[in-house]
Structures are given as structure tokens and as C-alpha cells.
PDB file of all heavy atoms in Angstrom:
ATOM      1  N   GLU A   1      24.427  49.803  21.555  1.00  0.00           N
ATOM      2  CA  GLU A   1      24.045  51.180  21.893  1.00  0.00           C
ATOM      3  C   GLU A   1      24.837  51.697  23.089  1.00  0.00           C
ATOM      4  O   GLU A   1      25.253  52.862  23.113  1.00  0.00           O
ATOM      5  CB  GLU A   1      22.551  51.251  22.180  1.00  0.00           C
ATOM      6  CG  GLU A   1      21.693  51.046  20.950  1.00  0.00           C
ATOM      7  CD  GLU A   1      20.213  50.911  21.268  1.00  0.00           C
ATOM      8  OE1 GLU A   1      19.837  50.922  22.467  1.00  0.00           O
ATOM      9  OE2 GLU A   1      19.422  50.796  20.313  1.00  0.00           O
ATOM     10  N   GLU A   2      25.063  50.833  24.075  1.00  0.00           N
ATOM     11  CA  GLU A   2      25.824  51.233  25.265  1.00  0.00           C
ATOM     12  C   GLU A   2      27.282  51.513  24.902  1.00  0.00           C
ATOM     13  O   GLU A   2      27.871  52.491  25.364  1.00  0.00           O
ATOM     14  CB  GLU A   2      25.737  50.138  26.333  1.00  0.00           C
ATOM     15  CG  GLU A   2      26.445  50.471  27.610  1.00  0.00           C
ATOM     16  CD  GLU A   2      25.807  51.588  28.415  1.00  0.00           C
ATOM     17  OE1 GLU A   2      24.739  52.110  28.026  1.00  0.00           O
ATOM     18  OE2 GLU A   2      26.377  51.972  29.442  1.00  0.00           O
ATOM     19  N   ILE A   3      27.871  50.686  24.071  1.00  0.00           N
ATOM     20  CA  ILE A   3      29.250  50.900  23.648  1.00  0.00           C
ATOM     21  C   ILE A   3      29.360  52.171  22.816  1.00  0.00           C
ATOM     22  O   ILE A   3      30.314  52.938  22.965  1.00  0.00           O
ATOM     23  CB  ILE A   3      29.785  49.664  22.905  1.00  0.00           C
ATOM     24  CG1 ILE A   3      29.973  48.528  23.910  1.00  0.00           C
ATOM     25  CG2 ILE A   3      31.084  49.963  22.175  1.00  0.00           C
ATOM     26  CD1 ILE A   3      30.298  47.196  23.312  1.00  0.00           C
ATOM     27  N   ALA A   4      28.382  52.440  21.980  1.00  0.00           N
ATOM     28  CA  ALA A   4      28.368  53.685  21.206  1.00  0.00           C
ATOM     29  C   ALA A   4      28.298  54.896  22.126  1.00  0.00           C
ATOM     30  O   ALA A   4      28.953  55.914  21.882  1.00  0.00           O
ATOM     31  CB  ALA A   4      27.198  53.680  20.233  1.00  0.00           C
ATOM     32  N   ARG A   5      27.512  54.788  23.191  1.00  0.00           N
ATOM     33  CA  ARG A   5      27.407  55.884  24.164  1.00  0.00           C
ATOM     34  C   ARG A   5      28.751  56.121  24.858  1.00  0.00           C
ATOM     35  O   ARG A   5      29.215  57.257  24.979  1.00  0.00           O
ATOM     36  CB  ARG A   5      26.330  55.563  25.213  1.00  0.00           C
ATOM     37  CG  ARG A   5      26.107  56.685  26.223  1.00  0.00           C
ATOM     38  CD  ARG A   5      25.202  56.259  27.358  1.00  0.00           C
ATOM     39  NE  ARG A   5      25.784  55.238  28.215  1.00  0.00           N
ATOM     40  CZ  ARG A   5      26.704  55.477  29.164  1.00  0.00           C
ATOM     41  NH1 ARG A   5      27.170  56.700  29.347  1.00  0.00           N
ATOM     42  NH2 ARG A   5      27.164  54.503  29.912  1.00  0.00           N
ATOM     43  N   ILE A   6      29.403  55.052  25.265  1.00  0.00           N
ATOM     44  CA  ILE A   6      30.700  55.167  25.947  1.00  0.00           C
ATOM     45  C   ILE A   6      31.767  55.679  24.979  1.00  0.00           C
ATOM     46  O   ILE A   6      32.645  56.456  25.368  1.00  0.00           O
ATOM     47  CB  ILE A   6      31.100  53.825  26.571  1.00  0.00           C
ATOM     48  CG1 ILE A   6      30.106  53.454  27.684  1.00  0.00           C
ATOM     49  CG2 ILE A   6      32.513  53.882  27.138  1.00  0.00           C
ATOM     50  CD1 ILE A   6      30.234  52.045  28.198  1.00  0.00           C
ATOM     51  N   ASN A   7      31.703  55.253  23.720  1.00  0.00           N
ATOM     52  CA  ASN A   7      32.672  55.719  22.719  1.00  0.00           C
ATOM     53  C   ASN A   7      32.673  57.238  22.591  1.00  0.00           C
ATOM     54  O   ASN A   7      33.705  57.833  22.281  1.00  0.00           O
ATOM     55  CB  ASN A   7      32.379  55.087  21.355  1.00  0.00           C
ATOM     56  CG  ASN A   7      32.989  53.711  21.214  1.00  0.00           C
ATOM     57  OD1 ASN A   7      33.925  53.351  21.930  1.00  0.00           O
ATOM     58  ND2 ASN A   7      32.458  52.933  20.295  1.00  0.00           N
ATOM     59  N   GLN A   8      31.535  57.873  22.819  1.00  0.00           N
ATOM     60  CA  GLN A   8      31.454  59.332  22.733  1.00  0.00           C
ATOM     61  C   GLN A   8      32.318  60.007  23.799  1.00  0.00           C
ATOM     62  O   GLN A   8      32.705  61.168  23.648  1.00  0.00           O
ATOM     63  CB  GLN A   8      30.001  59.799  22.846  1.00  0.00           C
ATOM     64  CG  GLN A   8      29.119  59.322  21.712  1.00  0.00           C
ATOM     65  CD  GLN A   8      29.645  59.756  20.353  1.00  0.00           C
ATOM     66  OE1 GLN A   8      29.991  60.908  20.145  1.00  0.00           O
ATOM     67  NE2 GLN A   8      29.732  58.810  19.427  1.00  0.00           N
ATOM     68  N   LEU A   9      32.618  59.283  24.872  1.00  0.00           N
ATOM     69  CA  LEU A   9      33.443  59.820  25.954  1.00  0.00           C
ATOM     70  C   LEU A   9      34.938  59.610  25.706  1.00  0.00           C
ATOM     71  O   LEU A   9      35.765  60.134  26.444  1.00  0.00           O
ATOM     72  CB  LEU A   9      33.056  59.151  27.285  1.00  0.00           C
ATOM     73  CG  LEU A   9      31.575  59.210  27.664  1.00  0.00           C
ATOM     74  CD1 LEU A   9      31.316  58.358  28.897  1.00  0.00           C
ATOM     75  CD2 LEU A   9      31.136  60.642  27.884  1.00  0.00           C
ATOM     76  N   LEU A  10      35.277  58.842  24.680  1.00  0.00           N
ATOM     77  CA  LEU A  10      36.667  58.502  24.381  1.00  0.00           C
ATOM     78  C   LEU A  10      37.190  59.296  23.194  1.00  0.00           C
ATOM     79  O   LEU A  10      36.419  59.817  22.390  1.00  0.00           O
ATOM     80  CB  LEU A  10      36.771  57.002  24.072  1.00  0.00           C
ATOM     81  CG  LEU A  10      36.403  56.048  25.203  1.00  0.00           C
ATOM     82  CD1 LEU A  10      36.260  54.631  24.662  1.00  0.00           C
ATOM     83  CD2 LEU A  10      37.434  56.100  26.306  1.00  0.00           C
ATOM     84  N   LYS A  11      38.511  59.351  23.082  1.00  0.00           N
ATOM     85  CA  LYS A  11      39.146  59.970  21.912  1.00  0.00           C
ATOM     86  C   LYS A  11      38.863  59.090  20.692  1.00  0.00           C
ATOM     87  O   LYS A  11      38.650  57.889  20.831  1.00  0.00           O
ATOM     88  CB  LYS A  11      40.647  60.090  22.140  1.00  0.00           C
ATOM     89  CG  LYS A  11      41.003  60.998  23.296  1.00  0.00           C
ATOM     90  CD  LYS A  11      42.487  60.983  23.554  1.00  0.00           C
ATOM     91  CE  LYS A  11      42.806  61.804  24.784  1.00  0.00           C
ATOM     92  NZ  LYS A  11      44.209  61.661  25.200  1.00  0.00           N
ATOM     93  N   PRO A  12      38.872  59.657  19.498  1.00  0.00           N
ATOM     94  CA  PRO A  12      38.543  58.877  18.293  1.00  0.00           C
ATOM     95  C   PRO A  12      39.363  57.588  18.129  1.00  0.00           C
ATOM     96  O   PRO A  12      38.826  56.559  17.751  1.00  0.00           O
ATOM     97  CB  PRO A  12      38.806  59.845  17.148  1.00  0.00           C
ATOM     98  CG  PRO A  12      38.585  61.192  17.753  1.00  0.00           C
ATOM     99  CD  PRO A  12      39.059  61.076  19.185  1.00  0.00           C
ATOM    100  N   HIS A  13      40.652  57.635  18.429  1.00  0.00           N
ATOM    101  CA  HIS A  13      41.478  56.440  18.255  1.00  0.00           C
ATOM    102  C   HIS A  13      41.279  55.416  19.380  1.00  0.00           C
ATOM    103  O   HIS A  13      41.720  54.279  19.259  1.00  0.00           O
ATOM    104  CB  HIS A  13      42.967  56.816  18.140  1.00  0.00           C
ATOM    105  CG  HIS A  13      43.491  57.541  19.337  1.00  0.00           C
ATOM    106  ND1 HIS A  13      43.377  58.902  19.466  1.00  0.00           N
ATOM    107  CD2 HIS A  13      44.109  57.097  20.454  1.00  0.00           C
ATOM    108  CE1 HIS A  13      43.927  59.269  20.612  1.00  0.00           C
ATOM    109  NE2 HIS A  13      44.357  58.200  21.238  1.00  0.00           N
ATOM    110  N   GLU A  14      40.602  55.784  20.456  1.00  0.00           N
ATOM    111  CA  GLU A  14      40.335  54.876  21.571  1.00  0.00           C
ATOM    112  C   GLU A  14      38.985  54.172  21.450  1.00  0.00           C
ATOM    113  O   GLU A  14      38.662  53.304  22.245  1.00  0.00           O
ATOM    114  CB  GLU A  14      40.362  55.639  22.897  1.00  0.00           C
ATOM    115  CG  GLU A  14      41.703  56.203  23.265  1.00  0.00           C
ATOM    116  CD  GLU A  14      41.668  57.038  24.534  1.00  0.00           C
ATOM    117  OE1 GLU A  14      40.602  57.601  24.857  1.00  0.00           O
ATOM    118  OE2 GLU A  14      42.710  57.132  25.195  1.00  0.00           O
ATOM    119  N   ARG A  15      38.214  54.529  20.466  1.00  0.00           N
ATOM    120  CA  ARG A  15      36.857  53.994  20.344  1.00  0.00           C
ATOM    121  C   ARG A  15      36.852  52.551  19.856  1.00  0.00           C
ATOM    122  O   ARG A  15      37.623  52.173  18.982  1.00  0.00           O
ATOM    123  CB  ARG A  15      36.032  54.869  19.408  1.00  0.00           C
ATOM    124  CG  ARG A  15      35.821  56.236  20.001  1.00  0.00           C
ATOM    125  CD  ARG A  15      35.033  57.138  19.119  1.00  0.00           C
ATOM    126  NE  ARG A  15      34.882  58.436  19.788  1.00  0.00           N
ATOM    127  CZ  ARG A  15      34.587  59.541  19.190  1.00  0.00           C
ATOM    128  NH1 ARG A  15      34.374  59.554  17.890  1.00  0.00           N
ATOM    129  NH2 ARG A  15      34.479  60.662  19.872  1.00  0.00           N
ATOM    130  N   VAL A  16      35.956  51.765  20.432  1.00  0.00           N
ATOM    131  CA  VAL A  16      35.769  50.370  20.045  1.00  0.00           C
ATOM    132  C   VAL A  16      34.790  50.345  18.874  1.00  0.00           C
ATOM    133  O   VAL A  16      33.640  50.760  19.008  1.00  0.00           O
ATOM    134  CB  VAL A  16      35.235  49.540  21.232  1.00  0.00           C
ATOM    135  CG1 VAL A  16      34.868  48.134  20.786  1.00  0.00           C
ATOM    136  CG2 VAL A  16      36.254  49.516  22.367  1.00  0.00           C
ATOM    137  N   ILE A  17      35.248  49.866  17.736  1.00  0.00           N
ATOM    138  CA  ILE A  17      34.435  49.868  16.522  1.00  0.00           C
ATOM    139  C   ILE A  17      33.562  48.614  16.444  1.00  0.00           C
ATOM    140  O   ILE A  17      32.390  48.686  16.117  1.00  0.00           O
ATOM    141  CB  ILE A  17      35.327  49.987  15.267  1.00  0.00           C
ATOM    142  CG1 ILE A  17      36.242  51.218  15.366  1.00  0.00           C
ATOM    143  CG2 ILE A  17      34.475  50.019  14.002  1.00  0.00           C
ATOM    144  CD1 ILE A  17      35.535  52.547  15.541  1.00  0.00           C
ATOM    145  N   LYS A  18      34.137  47.462  16.744  1.00  0.00           N
ATOM    146  CA  LYS A  18      33.396  46.198  16.730  1.00  0.00           C
ATOM    147  C   LYS A  18      33.690  45.445  18.015  1.00  0.00           C
ATOM    148  O   LYS A  18      34.711  45.681  18.669  1.00  0.00           O
ATOM    149  CB  LYS A  18      33.802  45.345  15.525  1.00  0.00           C
ATOM    150  CG  LYS A  18      33.451  45.969  14.189  1.00  0.00           C
ATOM    151  CD  LYS A  18      33.831  45.036  13.062  1.00  0.00           C
ATOM    152  CE  LYS A  18      33.461  45.638  11.716  1.00  0.00           C
ATOM    153  NZ  LYS A  18      33.788  44.731  10.612  1.00  0.00           N
ATOM    154  N   PHE A  19      32.810  44.506  18.362  1.00  0.00           N
ATOM    155  CA  PHE A  19      33.028  43.737  19.578  1.00  0.00           C
ATOM    156  C   PHE A  19      32.499  42.322  19.425  1.00  0.00           C
ATOM    157  O   PHE A  19      31.661  42.039  18.581  1.00  0.00           O
ATOM    158  CB  PHE A  19      32.405  44.430  20.787  1.00  0.00           C
ATOM    159  CG  PHE A  19      30.907  44.543  20.732  1.00  0.00           C
ATOM    160  CD1 PHE A  19      30.086  43.595  21.334  1.00  0.00           C
ATOM    161  CD2 PHE A  19      30.301  45.616  20.086  1.00  0.00           C
ATOM    162  CE1 PHE A  19      28.718  43.703  21.284  1.00  0.00           C
ATOM    163  CE2 PHE A  19      28.928  45.738  20.030  1.00  0.00           C
ATOM    164  CZ  PHE A  19      28.127  44.771  20.631  1.00  0.00           C
ATOM    165  N   PHE A  20      33.031  41.454  20.261  1.00  0.00           N
ATOM    166  CA  PHE A  20      32.609  40.055  20.329  1.00  0.00           C
ATOM    167  C   PHE A  20      32.136  39.800  21.751  1.00  0.00           C
ATOM    168  O   PHE A  20      32.791  40.209  22.706  1.00  0.00           O
ATOM    169  CB  PHE A  20      33.780  39.128  19.979  1.00  0.00           C
ATOM    170  CG  PHE A  20      33.441  37.665  20.063  1.00  0.00           C
ATOM    171  CD1 PHE A  20      32.761  37.038  19.028  1.00  0.00           C
ATOM    172  CD2 PHE A  20      33.798  36.916  21.167  1.00  0.00           C
ATOM    173  CE1 PHE A  20      32.446  35.701  19.094  1.00  0.00           C
ATOM    174  CE2 PHE A  20      33.477  35.576  21.247  1.00  0.00           C
ATOM    175  CZ  PHE A  20      32.804  34.964  20.215  1.00  0.00           C
ATOM    176  N   ILE A  21      31.013  39.123  21.893  1.00  0.00           N
ATOM    177  CA  ILE A  21      30.476  38.828  23.224  1.00  0.00           C
ATOM    178  C   ILE A  21      30.958  37.447  23.648  1.00  0.00           C
ATOM    179  O   ILE A  21      30.698  36.449  22.963  1.00  0.00           O
ATOM    180  CB  ILE A  21      28.936  38.875  23.224  1.00  0.00           C
ATOM    181  CG1 ILE A  21      28.463  40.258  22.794  1.00  0.00           C
ATOM    182  CG2 ILE A  21      28.387  38.513  24.598  1.00  0.00           C
ATOM    183  CD1 ILE A  21      26.970  40.370  22.595  1.00  0.00           C
ATOM    184  N   ALA A  22      31.677  37.402  24.762  1.00  0.00           N
ATOM    185  CA  ALA A  22      32.163  36.124  25.298  1.00  0.00           C
ATOM    186  C   ALA A  22      30.998  35.352  25.894  1.00  0.00           C
ATOM    187  O   ALA A  22      30.091  35.931  26.491  1.00  0.00           O
ATOM    188  CB  ALA A  22      33.228  36.371  26.355  1.00  0.00           C
ATOM    189  N   SER A  23      31.042  34.043  25.741  1.00  0.00           N
ATOM    190  CA  SER A  23      29.930  33.200  26.198  1.00  0.00           C
ATOM    191  C   SER A  23      29.983  32.905  27.691  1.00  0.00           C
ATOM    192  O   SER A  23      28.987  32.516  28.276  1.00  0.00           O
ATOM    193  CB  SER A  23      29.920  31.895  25.413  1.00  0.00           C
ATOM    194  OG  SER A  23      31.154  31.225  25.584  1.00  0.00           O
ATOM    195  N   GLU A  24      31.143  33.078  28.302  1.00  0.00           N
ATOM    196  CA  GLU A  24      31.254  32.799  29.735  1.00  0.00           C
ATOM    197  C   GLU A  24      32.132  33.833  30.423  1.00  0.00           C
ATOM    198  O   GLU A  24      32.960  34.481  29.805  1.00  0.00           O
ATOM    199  CB  GLU A  24      31.807  31.402  29.975  1.00  0.00           C
ATOM    200  CG  GLU A  24      33.200  31.203  29.428  1.00  0.00           C
ATOM    201  CD  GLU A  24      33.722  29.789  29.635  1.00  0.00           C
ATOM    202  OE1 GLU A  24      32.918  28.854  29.755  1.00  0.00           O
ATOM    203  OE2 GLU A  24      34.950  29.632  29.656  1.00  0.00           O
ATOM    204  N   SER A  25      31.933  33.968  31.717  1.00  0.00           N
ATOM    205  CA  SER A  25      32.699  34.915  32.519  1.00  0.00           C
ATOM    206  C   SER A  25      34.159  34.479  32.588  1.00  0.00           C
ATOM    207  O   SER A  25      34.462  33.290  32.535  1.00  0.00           O
ATOM    208  CB  SER A  25      32.109  34.992  33.932  1.00  0.00           C
ATOM    209  OG  SER A  25      32.931  35.767  34.761  1.00  0.00           O
TER     210      SER A  25
END
């Protein structure tokens, strides 16, 4: 939901469609 919110602030080609969560910093 947070990434979808941020995507609204970006141009269409800059939007992140899918993501992977890293297990460590």
C-alpha cells in the first residue's frame, strides 16, 4: 500500500510494479 501511494507521485514509467523484501539490512 505504501509503495502504491508513492507510485502515484512518480511518472508512469518510474513506478515500481513488483518488489522483493530483503531479509537483512
